[in-house]
Protein backbone atom coordinates (compact mmCIF):
# COMPACT_ATOMS: atom_id res chain seq x y z
CA MET A 1 -10.58 -14.77 31.03
CA SER A 2 -10.79 -17.98 28.77
CA LEU A 3 -8.64 -16.64 25.66
CA SER A 4 -8.62 -18.93 22.48
CA VAL A 5 -6.25 -18.96 19.74
CA PHE A 6 -8.83 -17.82 17.50
CA ASP A 7 -9.04 -14.61 19.74
CA ILE A 8 -5.48 -13.88 19.17
CA PHE A 9 -5.82 -14.78 15.40
CA LYS A 10 -8.73 -13.39 13.62
CA ILE A 11 -9.34 -13.17 10.06
CA GLY A 12 -10.31 -9.59 8.95
CA ILE A 13 -9.45 -6.76 6.77
CA GLY A 14 -7.05 -3.79 6.80
CA PRO A 15 -5.78 -1.61 7.70
CA SER A 16 -6.18 -1.74 11.55
CA SER A 17 -7.52 -4.22 13.97
CA SER A 18 -8.29 -1.57 16.77
CA HIS A 19 -9.52 1.23 14.19
CA THR A 20 -11.00 -0.82 11.46
CA MET A 21 -12.18 -4.18 12.71
CA GLY A 22 -13.06 -3.22 16.35
CA PRO A 23 -15.25 -0.31 15.08
CA MET A 24 -16.91 -2.35 12.37
CA ARG A 25 -17.78 -5.17 14.83
CA ALA A 26 -19.06 -2.58 17.39
CA ALA A 27 -21.29 -0.79 14.75
CA ARG A 28 -22.86 -4.26 13.47
CA GLU A 29 -23.30 -5.39 17.22
CA PHE A 30 -25.12 -2.22 17.96
CA ALA A 31 -27.35 -2.48 14.93
CA LEU A 32 -27.89 -6.32 15.80
CA GLY A 33 -28.98 -4.99 19.23
CA LEU A 34 -31.48 -2.92 17.77
CA GLU A 35 -33.00 -5.80 15.67
CA ARG A 36 -33.00 -8.25 18.39
CA ASP A 37 -35.09 -5.85 20.70
CA GLY A 38 -37.57 -4.89 18.13
CA LEU A 39 -36.26 -1.38 17.55
CA LEU A 40 -34.66 -1.56 13.99
CA SER A 41 -38.01 -0.86 12.08
CA ALA A 42 -38.67 2.16 14.61
CA THR A 43 -35.33 3.63 13.78
CA GLY A 44 -35.29 6.81 12.10
CA GLN A 45 -31.84 8.23 13.08
CA VAL A 46 -28.41 6.77 14.10
CA ALA A 47 -25.40 8.75 15.16
CA ALA A 48 -21.76 7.64 15.87
CA ARG A 49 -19.27 9.51 17.78
CA LEU A 50 -15.71 8.62 18.03
CA TYR A 51 -13.06 9.60 20.57
CA GLY A 52 -9.59 9.65 21.39
CA SER A 53 -7.21 7.68 19.28
CA LEU A 54 -10.47 6.55 16.92
CA ALA A 55 -11.10 10.24 16.27
CA LEU A 56 -7.22 11.56 15.84
CA THR A 57 -6.21 8.80 13.39
CA GLY A 58 -9.54 7.15 12.41
CA LEU A 59 -9.74 8.62 8.81
CA GLY A 60 -6.29 7.45 8.04
CA HIS A 61 -7.15 4.06 9.70
CA GLY A 62 -10.60 3.76 7.91
CA THR A 63 -12.64 4.12 11.07
CA ASP A 64 -15.13 6.07 9.45
CA ARG A 65 -15.62 3.40 6.54
CA ALA A 66 -15.68 0.47 8.87
CA VAL A 67 -18.58 2.31 11.11
CA LEU A 68 -20.61 2.74 7.94
CA ALA A 69 -19.94 -0.70 6.63
CA GLY A 70 -20.67 -2.30 10.18
CA LEU A 71 -23.96 -0.36 10.35
CA GLU A 72 -24.81 -2.08 7.37
CA GLY A 73 -24.28 -5.54 8.63
CA ALA A 74 -20.39 -6.14 7.50
CA ASP A 75 -18.41 -8.52 9.69
CA PRO A 76 -14.55 -8.03 9.09
CA GLU A 77 -13.94 -11.84 8.93
CA THR A 78 -16.48 -12.40 6.12
CA VAL A 79 -16.94 -9.13 4.41
CA ASP A 80 -15.52 -8.86 0.80
CA PRO A 81 -13.05 -6.16 0.85
CA ASP A 82 -13.82 -5.07 -2.63
CA SER A 83 -17.45 -4.41 -1.46
CA ILE A 84 -16.51 -1.74 0.84
CA ASP A 85 -15.90 1.11 -1.46
CA PRO A 86 -19.02 0.50 -3.53
CA THR A 87 -21.06 0.38 -0.25
CA LEU A 88 -19.60 3.65 0.89
CA GLN A 89 -20.05 5.49 -2.47
CA ARG A 90 -23.91 4.57 -2.44
CA ILE A 91 -24.10 6.11 1.21
CA ARG A 92 -22.24 9.06 0.47
CA THR A 93 -24.16 9.74 -2.75
CA SER A 94 -27.86 8.81 -1.41
CA HIS A 95 -27.13 10.10 2.15
CA ARG A 96 -29.03 7.14 3.04
CA ILE A 97 -28.00 3.95 4.98
CA ARG A 98 -29.44 0.62 5.34
CA LEU A 99 -29.08 -0.81 8.62
CA LEU A 100 -28.12 -4.44 8.38
CA GLY A 101 -29.14 -4.15 4.82
CA LYS A 102 -32.71 -4.07 6.08
CA HIS A 103 -33.94 -0.83 6.93
CA GLU A 104 -33.11 2.06 5.21
CA ILE A 105 -32.77 5.68 6.78
CA ASP A 106 -31.63 9.25 6.06
CA PHE A 107 -27.97 9.37 7.09
CA ASN A 108 -25.64 12.62 6.95
CA GLU A 109 -22.27 11.68 7.60
CA LYS A 110 -20.97 14.99 8.36
CA ALA A 111 -23.83 15.47 11.07
CA GLN A 112 -23.99 12.10 12.28
CA LEU A 113 -20.46 10.37 12.16
CA LEU A 114 -18.65 12.94 14.55
CA LEU A 115 -14.77 12.72 15.32
CA LEU A 116 -14.23 14.11 18.70
CA ARG A 117 -10.60 14.72 18.85
CA THR A 118 -10.10 16.67 22.04
CA GLU A 119 -12.49 14.15 24.16
CA ARG A 120 -11.68 10.86 25.51
CA LEU A 121 -14.06 8.17 27.02
CA PRO A 122 -12.63 6.72 30.43
CA GLY A 123 -12.45 3.17 29.63
CA HIS A 124 -9.87 3.20 26.74
CA PRO A 125 -8.27 5.59 24.34
CA ASN A 126 -10.45 3.89 21.41
CA GLY A 127 -13.90 4.93 22.50
CA MET A 128 -17.27 5.08 20.57
CA ARG A 129 -20.74 5.98 21.26
CA PHE A 130 -23.92 4.75 18.82
CA ALA A 131 -27.22 6.44 19.37
CA ALA A 132 -30.40 5.60 17.90
CA ALA A 133 -33.72 7.53 17.74
CA ALA A 134 -36.94 7.58 16.33
CA THR A 135 -37.98 9.74 13.26
CA ASP A 136 -39.30 12.46 15.80
CA GLY A 137 -36.07 12.14 17.68
CA LYS A 138 -37.42 10.21 20.69
CA PRO A 139 -34.11 8.31 22.13
CA LEU A 140 -34.13 4.67 21.40
CA ARG A 141 -31.11 3.34 22.44
CA GLU A 142 -27.48 4.71 23.32
CA GLU A 143 -24.42 2.27 23.54
CA GLU A 144 -20.60 2.77 24.33
CA TYR A 145 -17.87 0.77 23.22
CA TYR A 146 -14.18 0.25 23.33
CA SER A 147 -11.87 -0.99 20.71
CA ILE A 148 -9.18 -2.72 22.90
CA GLY A 149 -6.98 -3.94 20.26
CA GLY A 150 -6.61 -7.11 18.08
CA GLY A 151 -10.28 -6.73 17.06
CA PHE A 152 -11.46 -7.26 20.68
CA ILE A 153 -14.27 -4.68 21.84
CA VAL A 154 -16.16 -4.39 25.17
CA ARG A 155 -19.11 -2.48 26.06
CA GLY A 156 -19.11 0.37 28.22
CA GLY A 157 -19.06 -1.03 31.74
CA GLU A 158 -17.48 -4.26 30.90
CA SER A 159 -13.85 -5.02 31.70
CA GLN A 160 -13.43 -8.00 29.15
CA ALA A 161 -14.38 -8.92 25.77
CA ARG A 162 -17.41 -11.38 25.87
CA GLU A 163 -15.77 -13.94 23.76
CA ALA A 164 -13.20 -14.25 26.69
CA THR A 165 -15.65 -14.51 29.51
CA GLU A 166 -18.43 -16.85 28.15
CA ARG A 167 -16.35 -19.90 27.80
CA ALA A 168 -15.96 -23.11 29.96
CA ARG A 169 -12.85 -23.13 32.07
CA PRO A 170 -9.98 -25.19 30.31
CA PRO A 171 -8.06 -27.88 32.05
CA TYR A 172 -4.92 -25.63 32.15
CA PRO A 173 -5.68 -22.03 32.89
CA PHE A 174 -2.70 -19.87 33.06
CA ASN A 175 -2.01 -16.05 33.94
CA SER A 176 1.67 -15.83 33.49
CA ALA A 177 4.61 -17.54 31.72
CA ALA A 178 5.81 -18.85 34.88
CA GLU A 179 2.61 -20.82 35.46
CA LEU A 180 2.67 -21.78 31.90
CA LEU A 181 5.93 -23.35 32.30
CA LEU A 182 4.86 -25.12 35.67
CA LEU A 183 1.76 -26.59 34.24
CA CYS A 184 3.70 -27.85 31.20
CA ARG A 185 6.52 -29.31 33.64
CA ASP A 186 4.00 -30.84 35.97
CA ASN A 187 2.00 -32.48 33.21
CA GLY A 188 4.64 -33.48 30.75
CA LEU A 189 3.40 -31.44 28.09
CA GLU A 190 4.95 -29.21 25.32
CA LEU A 191 3.51 -25.88 25.43
CA PHE A 192 1.91 -26.35 22.22
CA GLU A 193 0.07 -29.37 23.50
CA LEU A 194 -1.22 -27.67 26.58
CA VAL A 195 -2.76 -25.03 24.21
CA LEU A 196 -4.32 -27.54 22.20
CA ALA A 197 -5.72 -29.52 25.45
CA ASN A 198 -7.36 -26.07 26.46
CA GLU A 199 -8.76 -25.57 22.87
CA ARG A 200 -10.16 -29.20 23.14
CA THR A 201 -12.31 -27.87 25.84
CA TRP A 202 -14.13 -25.62 23.37
CA THR A 203 -14.03 -27.81 20.11
CA SER A 204 -12.52 -31.15 18.59
CA GLU A 205 -9.07 -31.42 18.19
CA ALA A 206 -9.72 -31.90 14.28
CA GLN A 207 -11.36 -28.49 14.22
CA VAL A 208 -8.50 -26.76 16.08
CA ARG A 209 -6.04 -28.22 13.76
CA ALA A 210 -8.29 -27.28 10.58
CA GLY A 211 -8.90 -23.90 12.05
CA VAL A 212 -5.05 -23.29 12.51
CA LEU A 213 -4.22 -24.36 9.00
CA ARG A 214 -7.10 -22.34 7.68
CA LEU A 215 -5.06 -19.16 9.32
CA TRP A 216 -2.13 -20.28 7.66
CA GLU A 217 -3.77 -20.52 4.41
CA VAL A 218 -5.27 -16.90 4.79
CA MET A 219 -1.57 -15.71 5.53
CA GLN A 220 -0.26 -17.53 2.48
CA GLY A 221 -3.05 -15.87 0.28
CA CYS A 222 -2.30 -12.47 1.69
CA VAL A 223 1.63 -12.72 0.79
CA GLU A 224 0.68 -13.81 -2.78
CA ARG A 225 -1.74 -11.08 -3.43
CA GLY A 226 0.85 -8.61 -2.02
CA PHE A 227 3.35 -10.15 -4.43
CA HIS A 228 1.34 -9.72 -7.29
CA GLN A 229 0.08 -6.21 -6.75
CA SER A 230 1.27 -2.90 -8.00
CA GLY A 231 1.04 0.81 -7.85
CA VAL A 232 0.69 3.03 -4.64
CA LEU A 233 -1.34 2.64 -1.60
CA PRO A 234 -4.40 4.68 -0.49
CA GLY A 235 -3.96 7.70 1.05
CA PRO A 236 -2.04 11.10 0.44
CA LEU A 237 1.45 9.66 1.05
CA LYS A 238 1.26 7.84 -2.41
CA VAL A 239 3.40 5.18 -0.94
CA ARG A 240 4.71 2.81 -3.70
CA ARG A 241 4.51 -1.13 -3.00
CA ARG A 242 7.98 -2.52 -2.64
CA ALA A 243 6.88 -6.10 -2.19
CA PRO A 244 6.39 -7.00 -5.97
CA LYS A 245 9.57 -5.73 -7.24
CA LEU A 246 11.64 -7.36 -4.25
CA TYR A 247 9.67 -10.79 -5.18
CA ARG A 248 10.62 -10.41 -8.84
CA VAL A 249 14.30 -9.70 -7.87
CA LEU A 250 14.48 -12.72 -5.62
CA THR A 251 12.84 -15.19 -8.26
CA GLU A 252 14.48 -13.83 -11.55
CA GLY A 253 17.40 -16.51 -10.71
CA GLY A 254 21.15 -15.84 -10.64
CA PRO A 255 23.55 -17.16 -7.92
CA SER A 256 22.32 -17.18 -4.30
CA ARG A 257 23.67 -14.88 -1.89
CA PRO A 258 24.28 -15.22 1.84
CA LEU A 259 21.77 -12.92 2.94
CA ASP A 260 18.90 -13.94 0.50
CA ALA A 261 16.88 -15.49 3.48
CA MET A 262 16.74 -12.13 5.09
CA ASP A 263 15.45 -10.54 1.81
CA TRP A 264 12.76 -13.26 1.65
CA VAL A 265 11.71 -12.39 5.22
CA ASN A 266 11.44 -8.62 4.31
CA ALA A 267 9.32 -9.35 1.22
CA PHE A 268 6.82 -11.58 2.99
CA ALA A 269 6.39 -9.05 5.69
CA LEU A 270 6.23 -6.00 3.04
CA ALA A 271 3.65 -8.07 1.03
CA VAL A 272 1.24 -8.54 4.14
CA ASN A 273 1.37 -4.91 5.45
CA GLU A 274 1.07 -3.34 1.97
CA GLU A 275 -2.14 -5.52 1.74
CA ASN A 276 -3.07 -4.45 5.09
CA ALA A 277 -2.63 -0.75 4.23
CA ALA A 278 -4.82 -1.30 1.12
CA GLY A 279 -7.67 -2.67 3.26
CA GLY A 280 -7.06 -6.33 2.07
CA ARG A 281 -7.75 -9.48 3.95
CA VAL A 282 -5.20 -10.18 6.82
CA VAL A 283 -4.96 -12.11 9.93
CA THR A 284 -4.67 -10.36 13.05
CA ALA A 285 -1.20 -11.44 14.65
CA PRO A 286 -2.14 -10.05 17.23
CA THR A 287 -2.98 -7.06 15.21
CA ASN A 288 -3.36 -5.56 11.86
CA GLY A 289 -0.49 -3.09 12.26
CA ALA A 290 1.93 -5.96 13.02
CA ALA A 291 0.25 -8.61 10.93
CA GLY A 292 3.23 -9.42 8.67
CA ILE A 293 5.50 -10.57 11.36
CA VAL A 294 4.11 -13.96 12.26
CA PRO A 295 3.55 -14.68 8.53
CA ALA A 296 6.88 -13.60 7.47
CA VAL A 297 8.64 -16.05 10.13
CA LEU A 298 6.25 -18.85 9.42
CA HIS A 299 6.91 -18.43 5.54
CA PHE A 300 10.73 -18.35 6.62
CA TYR A 301 10.26 -21.56 8.59
CA ARG A 302 8.60 -23.31 5.45
CA ARG A 303 11.10 -22.10 2.90
CA PHE A 304 14.37 -22.54 4.83
CA GLU A 305 14.18 -24.83 7.51
CA PRO A 306 14.76 -28.48 6.57
CA GLY A 307 11.85 -30.84 7.57
CA ALA A 308 9.35 -27.98 7.88
CA SER A 309 5.70 -29.28 7.82
CA ASP A 310 2.34 -28.57 8.34
CA GLU A 311 2.50 -30.04 11.83
CA GLY A 312 5.30 -27.49 12.50
CA VAL A 313 2.88 -24.78 11.49
CA ILE A 314 0.36 -25.99 13.86
CA ARG A 315 3.19 -25.88 16.62
CA PHE A 316 4.30 -22.35 15.84
CA LEU A 317 0.54 -20.93 15.89
CA LEU A 318 -0.49 -22.61 19.04
CA THR A 319 2.63 -21.65 20.83
CA ALA A 320 2.53 -18.10 19.38
CA ALA A 321 -1.00 -17.58 20.42
CA ALA A 322 -0.19 -18.65 23.91
CA ILE A 323 2.52 -15.93 24.11
CA GLY A 324 -0.14 -13.38 22.66
CA MET A 325 -2.45 -14.37 25.42
CA LEU A 326 -0.01 -13.67 28.08
CA TYR A 327 0.56 -9.83 26.83
CA LYS A 328 -3.38 -9.42 26.26
CA ARG A 329 -4.01 -10.83 30.12
CA ASN A 330 -1.25 -8.80 31.66
CA ALA A 331 -0.55 -5.74 29.52
CA SER A 332 -2.18 -4.69 26.16
CA ILE A 333 -1.82 -5.26 22.62
CA SER A 334 -3.46 -2.01 21.84
CA GLY A 335 -1.20 0.70 20.38
CA ALA A 336 -3.10 3.44 21.64
CA GLU A 337 -2.51 2.08 25.11
CA MET A 338 1.25 0.60 24.64
CA GLY A 339 2.64 2.40 21.75
CA CYS A 340 3.96 -0.09 19.12
CA GLN A 341 5.65 -2.35 21.81
CA GLY A 342 2.26 -3.47 22.31
CA GLU A 343 1.83 -4.32 18.45
CA VAL A 344 5.03 -5.15 16.72
CA GLY A 345 6.99 -5.90 19.99
CA VAL A 346 4.27 -8.38 20.88
CA ALA A 347 4.24 -9.67 17.28
CA CYS A 348 7.79 -10.41 17.38
CA SER A 349 7.84 -12.00 20.79
CA MET A 350 5.06 -14.24 19.55
CA ALA A 351 6.80 -14.99 16.15
CA ALA A 352 10.21 -15.76 18.02
CA ALA A 353 8.44 -18.36 20.42
CA GLY A 354 6.75 -19.79 17.60
CA LEU A 355 9.42 -20.47 15.55
CA VAL A 356 11.50 -22.27 18.52
CA ALA A 357 8.30 -24.45 18.91
CA ALA A 358 8.27 -25.33 15.27
CA LEU A 359 12.03 -26.26 15.54
CA GLN A 360 11.14 -28.48 18.45
CA GLY A 361 12.81 -26.32 21.01
CA SER A 362 12.27 -26.77 24.74
CA ASN A 363 9.52 -24.95 26.81
CA GLU A 364 12.19 -23.04 28.48
CA GLN A 365 14.02 -22.01 25.13
CA ILE A 366 10.47 -21.01 24.00
CA GLU A 367 9.99 -18.49 26.82
CA ASN A 368 13.49 -17.28 26.31
CA ALA A 369 12.87 -16.35 22.66
CA ALA A 370 9.78 -14.72 23.56
CA GLU A 371 11.58 -12.47 26.32
CA ILE A 372 14.25 -11.88 23.86
CA GLY A 373 11.82 -10.62 21.24
CA MET A 374 10.08 -8.11 23.39
CA GLU A 375 13.08 -7.04 25.58
CA HIS A 376 14.50 -5.24 22.36
CA ASN A 377 11.40 -3.47 21.53
CA LEU A 378 10.62 -1.86 24.69
CA GLY A 379 9.61 1.64 24.39
CA LEU A 380 8.71 1.37 20.72
CA THR A 381 6.31 4.33 19.97
CA CYS A 382 3.30 4.04 17.62
CA ASP A 383 3.64 7.53 15.55
CA PRO A 384 1.97 6.84 12.02
CA VAL A 385 2.84 9.51 9.56
CA GLY A 386 -0.60 11.07 8.37
CA GLY A 387 -2.39 8.79 10.63
CA LEU A 388 -2.12 5.97 8.06
CA VAL A 389 -0.89 2.50 8.68
CA GLN A 390 1.91 2.85 6.25
CA ILE A 391 4.89 4.61 7.55
CA PRO A 392 6.86 3.52 9.64
CA CYS A 393 4.39 0.62 10.04
CA ILE A 394 5.08 -1.39 6.86
CA GLU A 395 8.84 -1.25 7.17
CA ARG A 396 8.66 -2.00 10.80
CA ASN A 397 7.16 -5.54 10.20
CA ALA A 398 10.05 -6.36 8.11
CA MET A 399 12.44 -5.43 11.12
CA GLY A 400 10.55 -7.05 13.55
CA ALA A 401 10.17 -10.29 11.68
CA VAL A 402 13.95 -10.54 11.12
CA LYS A 403 14.49 -9.64 14.92
CA ALA A 404 11.97 -12.57 15.71
CA ILE A 405 14.19 -14.88 13.74
CA ASN A 406 17.38 -13.76 15.50
CA ALA A 407 15.57 -13.99 18.97
CA ALA A 408 14.80 -17.72 18.12
CA ARG A 409 18.23 -18.45 16.96
CA LEU A 410 19.67 -16.93 20.06
CA ALA A 411 17.51 -18.88 22.35
CA MET A 412 17.98 -22.14 20.64
CA ARG A 413 21.81 -21.74 21.04
CA GLY A 414 21.23 -21.69 25.02
CA ASP A 415 19.55 -24.08 27.28
CA GLY A 416 16.67 -21.78 28.38
CA SER A 417 18.13 -20.23 31.37
CA HIS A 418 18.48 -16.54 31.37
CA LYS A 419 18.44 -13.51 33.86
CA VAL A 420 15.14 -11.77 32.59
CA SER A 421 11.94 -13.58 32.48
CA LEU A 422 9.28 -13.12 30.02
CA ASP A 423 6.95 -12.23 32.71
CA HIS A 424 9.53 -9.47 33.87
CA VAL A 425 9.51 -8.16 30.40
CA ILE A 426 5.51 -8.08 29.97
CA ALA A 427 5.48 -6.07 33.37
CA THR A 428 8.09 -3.76 32.29
CA MET A 429 6.34 -3.31 28.59
CA ARG A 430 3.09 -2.42 30.66
CA GLN A 431 4.78 -0.10 32.95
CA THR A 432 6.60 1.65 30.06
CA GLY A 433 3.20 2.00 28.06
CA ALA A 434 1.83 3.77 31.01
CA ASP A 435 4.72 5.98 31.25
CA MET A 436 4.55 6.86 27.49
CA SER A 437 3.44 10.10 26.43
CA THR A 438 -0.04 9.98 24.48
CA ILE A 439 1.36 11.82 21.61
CA TYR A 440 3.48 8.50 20.97
CA LYS A 441 0.41 6.17 21.19
CA GLU A 442 -1.16 6.14 17.86
CA THR A 443 -2.50 9.52 17.79
CA SER A 444 -0.16 10.96 15.16
CA GLN A 445 0.60 14.00 17.55
CA GLY A 446 4.40 13.05 17.77
CA GLY A 447 7.39 11.60 16.84
CA LEU A 448 7.74 10.96 12.77
CA ALA A 449 4.13 11.90 12.39
CA VAL A 450 5.06 15.56 13.26
CA ASN A 451 8.57 15.60 12.17
CA VAL A 452 8.09 14.21 8.39
CA THR A 453 6.74 17.57 7.41
CA GLU A 454 6.54 16.99 3.54
CA CYS A 455 3.64 14.58 4.47
């Protein structure tokens, strides 16, 4: 598996990488396959079936919307979030869908987009099946897809996302933190330099740096939008945005206070995840549900660390991506598999490592920070109230960002030596996720989701 920085960090839309971005990509890929094989014009019927976690929390996560938009050709990286509602209104009013925007067919959403809450496909909790038939009902094609977290999708029968298997082998492949540290030591490389060397296998260094700074630009834009929106978030919970008020309080002036930096970190994280909950443009880091942690810690670095620079941002994001790759390879970044330890926990670990790298800590300190960031998120459940990526998800990003900064500070005060390795905590997270009851893994069947009765 050859993962890229741009697999771990993807530009997309909210509210969920696994329940929104993945299904949109799968629906679009299915439609593109029909076109590629000359079946698009012959198609008279299309049906989509959602299983497991996608069915249980799909409506709250916008999975139904994503599937319809994807069939019409929307791609999460390029789609205008403001275009989705008019598209859905047209489909639901006319009961017709335009496959890839080219071929119009009848589409009854209630009959052709089915949520199978009590069934699960064998490959992953986030399973989908798409079927196309001719006008007379003759089957044309059926495909099975899984949304495996972070916007990654695999077809039925595949074990890895295609983008991770079709690349040339990089010069420094690694499958564990121990291997990563050894490669750095043997080749005299800082961790971010090793990642950059691997990325140069597939593109130029200038393009890598430009791409990383583009990610940072999107993160900044997301925070800025989140600071200047108002009102309540979509859905029945009527959650009011808090980032704009916190931003106003922090910018009104007055004497500085000892914990102002923490308030800013909270504001940065809330802004991102409120935008995510509203279906706005975000960067998966490594998922949408945890998309506020890395940007919040990066904003902390740029605002409060003397000497912060774009070069530090590049060091941060390349290093954070390497840590994300380790979790992706050896466990999972899917809340439906791991609970929220696989989303917020992984993001906290990534951000802690990235901050140490930006501050020019040693490779051993980076690994220590990543370990601390996850060790204290082990067992974190995913129990979204009402199936929405709002409670406790938004606030949890603020908590995770503060925890990441503290993990980085603890690691920087040591020499990198510690008893529990990052590989140990990744293995523990994987086992904890396997042992965790399904009701606590993005199904809204346990925890806060059932105990907050007024919602």
